[in-house]
Amino acid sequence: MKLNTYLNFPGTCAEALRFYEQHLGAKVLYTTTFDQMPEPKNIPPGLEKGVLHARFQLGDGIVMASDGPPERVQPMRSAYMTLSVDSNEEAERIYAALSAGGEIFMPLAEMFFAHRFAQLRDKFGVNWMLIHEKPMQG
């Protein structure tokens, strides 16, 4: 069994994929649009060029994504995509990219358990935790 994350976007999936490629090093493995769907097509209005399904690699994980009708896609609330990084510099670079145009819940800072830790929602509505962990005892 595998556990994968599936993200829905309100018509901004292609833009989010490009952003994650540029700023997080994601690699898009597959993408198809609603207009490429076989007949009979059941395309939500306004999503003809939207992403029907995509898969991308982020670090050592696979994430899937698509667009959905904007009135049905809501920002994430209680779940977070969590990125563990190896340096403060990497944490600061990624934090700057993900927080631009987004909403910061907890600013990037040192914590008792981490050299750097932050919680935020990016401009696409995806919640992120960012951590450069300290060595844990026991």
N, C-alpha and C. Protein backbone atom coordinates (compact mmCIF):
# COMPACT_ATOMS: atom_id res chain seq x y z
N MET A 1 0.84 -1.17 0.00
CA MET A 1 0.00 0.00 0.00
C MET A 1 0.89 1.25 0.00
N LYS A 2 0.44 2.26 -0.70
CA LYS A 2 1.13 3.55 -0.73
C LYS A 2 0.14 4.64 -0.37
N LEU A 3 0.61 5.65 0.30
CA LEU A 3 -0.20 6.82 0.62
C LEU A 3 0.34 7.98 -0.21
N ASN A 4 -0.52 8.57 -1.04
CA ASN A 4 -0.14 9.72 -1.86
C ASN A 4 -1.07 10.88 -1.55
N THR A 5 -0.60 12.06 -1.80
CA THR A 5 -1.38 13.27 -1.63
C THR A 5 -1.97 13.67 -2.97
N TYR A 6 -3.23 14.12 -2.96
CA TYR A 6 -3.89 14.62 -4.17
C TYR A 6 -4.37 16.04 -3.86
N LEU A 7 -3.87 17.00 -4.63
CA LEU A 7 -4.22 18.40 -4.44
C LEU A 7 -5.20 18.85 -5.51
N ASN A 8 -6.19 19.62 -5.12
CA ASN A 8 -7.13 20.22 -6.08
C ASN A 8 -6.94 21.72 -6.08
N PHE A 9 -7.01 22.30 -7.28
CA PHE A 9 -6.84 23.73 -7.47
C PHE A 9 -8.05 24.29 -8.20
N PRO A 10 -8.38 25.56 -7.95
CA PRO A 10 -9.54 26.19 -8.60
C PRO A 10 -9.20 26.79 -9.96
N GLY A 11 -8.59 25.96 -10.85
CA GLY A 11 -8.21 26.46 -12.17
C GLY A 11 -6.78 26.95 -12.25
N THR A 12 -5.99 26.76 -11.20
CA THR A 12 -4.61 27.25 -11.16
C THR A 12 -3.58 26.13 -11.09
N CYS A 13 -3.98 24.91 -11.39
CA CYS A 13 -3.08 23.76 -11.25
C CYS A 13 -1.83 23.91 -12.12
N ALA A 14 -1.97 24.25 -13.38
CA ALA A 14 -0.81 24.37 -14.27
C ALA A 14 0.17 25.42 -13.75
N GLU A 15 -0.36 26.55 -13.27
CA GLU A 15 0.49 27.60 -12.70
C GLU A 15 1.20 27.09 -11.44
N ALA A 16 0.48 26.37 -10.59
CA ALA A 16 1.07 25.83 -9.37
C ALA A 16 2.18 24.83 -9.71
N LEU A 17 1.95 23.97 -10.70
CA LEU A 17 2.97 23.00 -11.09
C LEU A 17 4.24 23.71 -11.56
N ARG A 18 4.11 24.74 -12.38
CA ARG A 18 5.29 25.50 -12.83
C ARG A 18 6.00 26.15 -11.63
N PHE A 19 5.23 26.70 -10.70
CA PHE A 19 5.79 27.33 -9.51
C PHE A 19 6.57 26.30 -8.67
N TYR A 20 5.97 25.14 -8.44
CA TYR A 20 6.63 24.11 -7.64
C TYR A 20 7.87 23.56 -8.34
N GLU A 21 7.84 23.49 -9.67
CA GLU A 21 9.04 23.09 -10.42
C GLU A 21 10.15 24.12 -10.20
N GLN A 22 9.82 25.39 -10.34
CA GLN A 22 10.82 26.45 -10.26
C GLN A 22 11.37 26.61 -8.85
N HIS A 23 10.50 26.58 -7.84
CA HIS A 23 10.93 26.94 -6.48
C HIS A 23 11.19 25.76 -5.55
N LEU A 24 10.61 24.59 -5.84
CA LEU A 24 10.78 23.44 -4.97
C LEU A 24 11.53 22.29 -5.63
N GLY A 25 11.85 22.44 -6.91
CA GLY A 25 12.53 21.38 -7.62
C GLY A 25 11.63 20.21 -7.99
N ALA A 26 10.31 20.44 -8.01
CA ALA A 26 9.37 19.38 -8.39
C ALA A 26 9.62 18.99 -9.85
N LYS A 27 9.29 17.74 -10.16
CA LYS A 27 9.41 17.26 -11.53
C LYS A 27 8.06 16.71 -11.96
N VAL A 28 7.44 17.37 -12.95
CA VAL A 28 6.14 16.92 -13.45
C VAL A 28 6.36 15.66 -14.27
N LEU A 29 5.68 14.59 -13.89
CA LEU A 29 5.81 13.29 -14.54
C LEU A 29 4.72 13.05 -15.58
N TYR A 30 3.55 13.65 -15.36
CA TYR A 30 2.41 13.43 -16.26
C TYR A 30 1.42 14.55 -16.07
N THR A 31 0.81 14.98 -17.16
CA THR A 31 -0.28 15.94 -17.07
C THR A 31 -1.19 15.77 -18.29
N THR A 32 -2.48 15.89 -18.05
CA THR A 32 -3.47 15.88 -19.11
C THR A 32 -4.53 16.92 -18.78
N THR A 33 -5.13 17.49 -19.80
CA THR A 33 -6.13 18.53 -19.59
C THR A 33 -7.53 17.99 -19.86
N PHE A 34 -8.53 18.72 -19.38
CA PHE A 34 -9.91 18.32 -19.58
C PHE A 34 -10.26 18.16 -21.06
N ASP A 35 -9.72 19.06 -21.91
CA ASP A 35 -10.05 18.97 -23.33
C ASP A 35 -9.41 17.77 -24.01
N GLN A 36 -8.49 17.08 -23.34
CA GLN A 36 -7.88 15.87 -23.88
C GLN A 36 -8.65 14.61 -23.45
N MET A 37 -9.69 14.79 -22.65
CA MET A 37 -10.49 13.68 -22.17
C MET A 37 -11.22 13.02 -23.33
N PRO A 38 -11.34 11.68 -23.32
CA PRO A 38 -12.09 11.03 -24.40
C PRO A 38 -13.59 11.34 -24.29
N GLU A 39 -14.28 11.11 -25.39
CA GLU A 39 -15.74 11.29 -25.41
C GLU A 39 -16.40 10.21 -24.57
N PRO A 40 -17.51 10.44 -23.95
CA PRO A 40 -18.19 11.73 -23.86
C PRO A 40 -17.50 12.61 -22.82
N LYS A 41 -17.24 13.83 -23.20
CA LYS A 41 -16.55 14.77 -22.32
C LYS A 41 -17.54 15.37 -21.32
N ASN A 42 -17.10 15.46 -20.09
CA ASN A 42 -17.89 16.08 -19.03
C ASN A 42 -17.00 17.14 -18.39
N ILE A 43 -16.84 18.24 -19.11
CA ILE A 43 -15.90 19.28 -18.71
C ILE A 43 -16.63 20.36 -17.93
N PRO A 44 -16.18 20.63 -16.70
CA PRO A 44 -16.79 21.74 -15.96
C PRO A 44 -16.60 23.05 -16.73
N PRO A 45 -17.62 23.91 -16.77
CA PRO A 45 -17.50 25.18 -17.49
C PRO A 45 -16.27 25.98 -17.04
N GLY A 46 -15.52 26.46 -18.02
CA GLY A 46 -14.34 27.27 -17.75
C GLY A 46 -13.06 26.47 -17.53
N LEU A 47 -13.16 25.15 -17.49
CA LEU A 47 -11.96 24.34 -17.24
C LEU A 47 -11.51 23.54 -18.46
N GLU A 48 -11.90 23.97 -19.66
CA GLU A 48 -11.54 23.26 -20.88
C GLU A 48 -10.04 23.04 -20.99
N LYS A 49 -9.26 24.03 -20.61
CA LYS A 49 -7.79 23.93 -20.66
C LYS A 49 -7.22 23.61 -19.28
N GLY A 50 -8.09 23.36 -18.30
CA GLY A 50 -7.64 23.03 -16.95
C GLY A 50 -7.01 21.66 -16.88
N VAL A 51 -6.30 21.40 -15.81
CA VAL A 51 -5.61 20.13 -15.62
C VAL A 51 -6.61 19.10 -15.08
N LEU A 52 -6.80 18.04 -15.84
CA LEU A 52 -7.66 16.93 -15.43
C LEU A 52 -6.93 16.05 -14.42
N HIS A 53 -5.65 15.78 -14.68
CA HIS A 53 -4.85 14.95 -13.78
C HIS A 53 -3.37 15.21 -14.03
N ALA A 54 -2.62 15.31 -12.95
CA ALA A 54 -1.16 15.46 -13.04
C ALA A 54 -0.51 14.67 -11.92
N ARG A 55 0.71 14.26 -12.18
CA ARG A 55 1.55 13.60 -11.16
C ARG A 55 2.88 14.33 -11.18
N PHE A 56 3.38 14.63 -9.98
CA PHE A 56 4.71 15.21 -9.92
C PHE A 56 5.48 14.66 -8.74
N GLN A 57 6.79 14.64 -8.92
CA GLN A 57 7.67 14.18 -7.86
C GLN A 57 8.15 15.40 -7.10
N LEU A 58 8.08 15.31 -5.79
CA LEU A 58 8.57 16.37 -4.92
C LEU A 58 9.43 15.70 -3.86
N GLY A 59 10.73 15.93 -3.94
CA GLY A 59 11.64 15.19 -3.08
C GLY A 59 11.54 13.72 -3.44
N ASP A 60 11.32 12.87 -2.43
CA ASP A 60 11.18 11.44 -2.71
C ASP A 60 9.72 11.00 -2.70
N GLY A 61 8.79 11.96 -2.77
CA GLY A 61 7.36 11.65 -2.77
C GLY A 61 6.69 11.97 -4.09
N ILE A 62 5.54 11.34 -4.29
CA ILE A 62 4.72 11.59 -5.47
C ILE A 62 3.46 12.32 -5.01
N VAL A 63 3.13 13.39 -5.72
CA VAL A 63 1.92 14.16 -5.45
C VAL A 63 1.10 14.17 -6.73
N MET A 64 -0.20 14.05 -6.60
CA MET A 64 -1.09 14.14 -7.74
C MET A 64 -1.92 15.40 -7.60
N ALA A 65 -2.43 15.91 -8.71
CA ALA A 65 -3.15 17.19 -8.65
C ALA A 65 -4.09 17.33 -9.83
N SER A 66 -5.07 18.21 -9.66
CA SER A 66 -5.99 18.54 -10.75
C SER A 66 -6.68 19.85 -10.44
N ASP A 67 -7.38 20.36 -11.45
CA ASP A 67 -8.25 21.51 -11.27
C ASP A 67 -9.66 21.02 -11.00
N GLY A 68 -10.40 21.84 -10.30
CA GLY A 68 -11.80 21.56 -10.06
C GLY A 68 -12.59 22.85 -10.18
N PRO A 69 -13.90 22.75 -10.21
CA PRO A 69 -14.71 23.97 -10.29
C PRO A 69 -14.37 24.91 -9.12
N PRO A 70 -14.05 26.16 -9.39
CA PRO A 70 -13.64 27.08 -8.34
C PRO A 70 -14.61 27.16 -7.16
N GLU A 71 -15.89 26.99 -7.42
CA GLU A 71 -16.85 27.09 -6.32
C GLU A 71 -16.81 25.85 -5.42
N ARG A 72 -16.15 24.78 -5.85
CA ARG A 72 -16.08 23.55 -5.04
C ARG A 72 -14.72 23.32 -4.42
N VAL A 73 -13.68 24.01 -4.89
CA VAL A 73 -12.33 23.82 -4.37
C VAL A 73 -12.09 24.83 -3.26
N GLN A 74 -11.76 24.34 -2.09
CA GLN A 74 -11.51 25.19 -0.93
C GLN A 74 -10.04 25.08 -0.52
N PRO A 75 -9.48 26.15 0.07
CA PRO A 75 -8.10 26.04 0.58
C PRO A 75 -8.03 24.95 1.65
N MET A 76 -6.86 24.35 1.78
CA MET A 76 -6.65 23.34 2.81
C MET A 76 -6.86 23.96 4.18
N ARG A 77 -7.31 23.17 5.13
CA ARG A 77 -7.54 23.69 6.48
C ARG A 77 -6.66 23.03 7.52
N SER A 78 -6.77 21.75 7.72
CA SER A 78 -6.09 21.10 8.85
C SER A 78 -4.96 20.17 8.43
N ALA A 79 -4.72 20.01 7.16
CA ALA A 79 -3.64 19.16 6.67
C ALA A 79 -2.55 20.04 6.07
N TYR A 80 -1.31 19.57 6.18
CA TYR A 80 -0.16 20.32 5.67
C TYR A 80 0.74 19.42 4.84
N MET A 81 1.22 19.94 3.75
CA MET A 81 2.33 19.33 3.04
C MET A 81 3.56 19.73 3.86
N THR A 82 4.38 18.77 4.23
CA THR A 82 5.53 19.06 5.08
C THR A 82 6.82 18.80 4.33
N LEU A 83 7.64 19.84 4.26
CA LEU A 83 8.94 19.74 3.61
C LEU A 83 10.03 19.75 4.68
N SER A 84 10.82 18.68 4.72
CA SER A 84 11.98 18.61 5.61
C SER A 84 13.21 18.94 4.78
N VAL A 85 13.96 19.93 5.22
CA VAL A 85 15.13 20.38 4.47
C VAL A 85 16.39 20.19 5.30
N ASP A 86 17.55 20.31 4.64
CA ASP A 86 18.83 19.99 5.27
C ASP A 86 19.62 21.20 5.75
N SER A 87 19.12 22.42 5.49
CA SER A 87 19.89 23.59 5.93
C SER A 87 18.96 24.77 6.19
N ASN A 88 19.45 25.70 7.00
CA ASN A 88 18.70 26.93 7.25
C ASN A 88 18.54 27.74 5.96
N GLU A 89 19.58 27.73 5.12
CA GLU A 89 19.53 28.49 3.87
C GLU A 89 18.43 27.95 2.95
N GLU A 90 18.32 26.63 2.86
CA GLU A 90 17.28 26.03 2.03
C GLU A 90 15.90 26.36 2.61
N ALA A 91 15.78 26.30 3.93
CA ALA A 91 14.51 26.64 4.58
C ALA A 91 14.13 28.09 4.27
N GLU A 92 15.08 29.00 4.36
CA GLU A 92 14.81 30.42 4.12
C GLU A 92 14.44 30.68 2.66
N ARG A 93 15.10 30.02 1.73
CA ARG A 93 14.80 30.18 0.30
C ARG A 93 13.39 29.69 -0.02
N ILE A 94 13.05 28.51 0.46
CA ILE A 94 11.73 27.94 0.19
C ILE A 94 10.65 28.74 0.90
N TYR A 95 10.91 29.17 2.11
CA TYR A 95 9.95 29.99 2.86
C TYR A 95 9.64 31.28 2.10
N ALA A 96 10.67 31.92 1.57
CA ALA A 96 10.46 33.16 0.81
C ALA A 96 9.58 32.90 -0.40
N ALA A 97 9.81 31.80 -1.10
CA ALA A 97 9.02 31.50 -2.30
C ALA A 97 7.58 31.16 -1.94
N LEU A 98 7.38 30.26 -0.98
CA LEU A 98 6.03 29.81 -0.64
C LEU A 98 5.20 30.88 0.05
N SER A 99 5.83 31.76 0.80
CA SER A 99 5.06 32.78 1.52
C SER A 99 4.67 33.97 0.65
N ALA A 100 5.35 34.15 -0.48
CA ALA A 100 5.04 35.28 -1.37
C ALA A 100 3.61 35.15 -1.90
N GLY A 101 2.78 36.10 -1.55
CA GLY A 101 1.39 36.09 -1.98
C GLY A 101 0.51 35.16 -1.19
N GLY A 102 1.07 34.50 -0.19
CA GLY A 102 0.32 33.56 0.63
C GLY A 102 -0.05 34.12 1.99
N GLU A 103 -0.29 33.23 2.93
CA GLU A 103 -0.69 33.61 4.29
C GLU A 103 0.22 32.87 5.27
N ILE A 104 0.89 33.61 6.13
CA ILE A 104 1.80 33.02 7.10
C ILE A 104 1.03 32.74 8.40
N PHE A 105 1.08 31.48 8.83
CA PHE A 105 0.46 31.11 10.10
C PHE A 105 1.48 31.18 11.23
N MET A 106 2.70 30.73 10.96
CA MET A 106 3.80 30.78 11.93
C MET A 106 5.05 31.15 11.15
N PRO A 107 5.63 32.31 11.40
CA PRO A 107 6.82 32.74 10.65
C PRO A 107 7.99 31.79 10.85
N LEU A 108 8.88 31.77 9.88
CA LEU A 108 10.07 30.94 9.95
C LEU A 108 10.91 31.39 11.14
N ALA A 109 11.20 30.45 12.04
CA ALA A 109 11.96 30.78 13.25
C ALA A 109 12.58 29.51 13.82
N GLU A 110 13.53 29.72 14.73
CA GLU A 110 14.10 28.60 15.46
C GLU A 110 13.12 28.17 16.54
N MET A 111 13.00 26.87 16.72
CA MET A 111 12.13 26.30 17.75
C MET A 111 12.97 25.30 18.55
N PHE A 112 12.47 24.84 19.67
CA PHE A 112 13.22 23.88 20.47
C PHE A 112 13.49 22.59 19.70
N PHE A 113 12.67 22.26 18.73
CA PHE A 113 12.80 21.01 17.96
C PHE A 113 13.37 21.22 16.57
N ALA A 114 13.57 22.47 16.17
CA ALA A 114 14.00 22.74 14.79
C ALA A 114 14.90 23.96 14.72
N HIS A 115 15.89 23.87 13.82
CA HIS A 115 16.71 25.05 13.52
C HIS A 115 15.83 26.11 12.86
N ARG A 116 14.92 25.64 11.99
CA ARG A 116 13.95 26.52 11.34
C ARG A 116 12.63 25.75 11.19
N PHE A 117 11.53 26.45 11.47
CA PHE A 117 10.20 25.86 11.34
C PHE A 117 9.22 26.96 10.97
N ALA A 118 8.29 26.64 10.07
CA ALA A 118 7.25 27.60 9.67
C ALA A 118 6.00 26.85 9.25
N GLN A 119 4.86 27.56 9.32
CA GLN A 119 3.59 27.08 8.79
C GLN A 119 2.99 28.20 7.97
N LEU A 120 2.50 27.86 6.77
CA LEU A 120 1.94 28.89 5.90
C LEU A 120 1.02 28.26 4.87
N ARG A 121 0.27 29.10 4.20
CA ARG A 121 -0.54 28.69 3.04
C ARG A 121 0.00 29.47 1.84
N ASP A 122 0.33 28.76 0.77
CA ASP A 122 0.86 29.44 -0.41
C ASP A 122 -0.26 30.12 -1.19
N LYS A 123 0.10 30.85 -2.24
CA LYS A 123 -0.87 31.61 -3.01
C LYS A 123 -1.84 30.74 -3.78
N PHE A 124 -1.61 29.42 -3.79
CA PHE A 124 -2.51 28.49 -4.47
C PHE A 124 -3.49 27.82 -3.50
N GLY A 125 -3.37 28.14 -2.20
CA GLY A 125 -4.28 27.57 -1.20
C GLY A 125 -3.76 26.30 -0.53
N VAL A 126 -2.50 25.94 -0.78
CA VAL A 126 -1.92 24.73 -0.20
C VAL A 126 -1.19 25.09 1.09
N ASN A 127 -1.49 24.35 2.16
CA ASN A 127 -0.82 24.54 3.45
C ASN A 127 0.52 23.81 3.44
N TRP A 128 1.53 24.47 3.99
CA TRP A 128 2.87 23.90 4.08
C TRP A 128 3.43 24.05 5.48
N MET A 129 4.13 23.03 5.95
CA MET A 129 5.04 23.12 7.08
C MET A 129 6.42 22.97 6.50
N LEU A 130 7.33 23.76 6.99
CA LEU A 130 8.71 23.73 6.54
C LEU A 130 9.57 23.52 7.77
N ILE A 131 10.46 22.51 7.72
CA ILE A 131 11.25 22.21 8.92
C ILE A 131 12.67 21.82 8.56
N HIS A 132 13.61 22.41 9.29
CA HIS A 132 15.01 21.95 9.33
C HIS A 132 15.18 21.47 10.76
N GLU A 133 15.05 20.16 10.93
CA GLU A 133 15.00 19.57 12.27
C GLU A 133 16.33 19.62 12.99
N LYS A 134 16.24 19.73 14.33
CA LYS A 134 17.39 19.52 15.20
C LYS A 134 17.47 18.03 15.50
N PRO A 135 18.66 17.54 15.81
CA PRO A 135 18.75 16.11 16.19
C PRO A 135 17.87 15.86 17.43
N MET A 136 17.13 14.78 17.36
CA MET A 136 16.23 14.44 18.46
C MET A 136 16.88 13.40 19.36
N GLN A 137 16.70 13.56 20.65
CA GLN A 137 17.25 12.62 21.64
C GLN A 137 16.23 11.52 21.92
N GLY A 138 16.73 10.30 22.04
CA GLY A 138 15.93 9.15 22.47
C GLY A 138 14.85 8.80 21.55
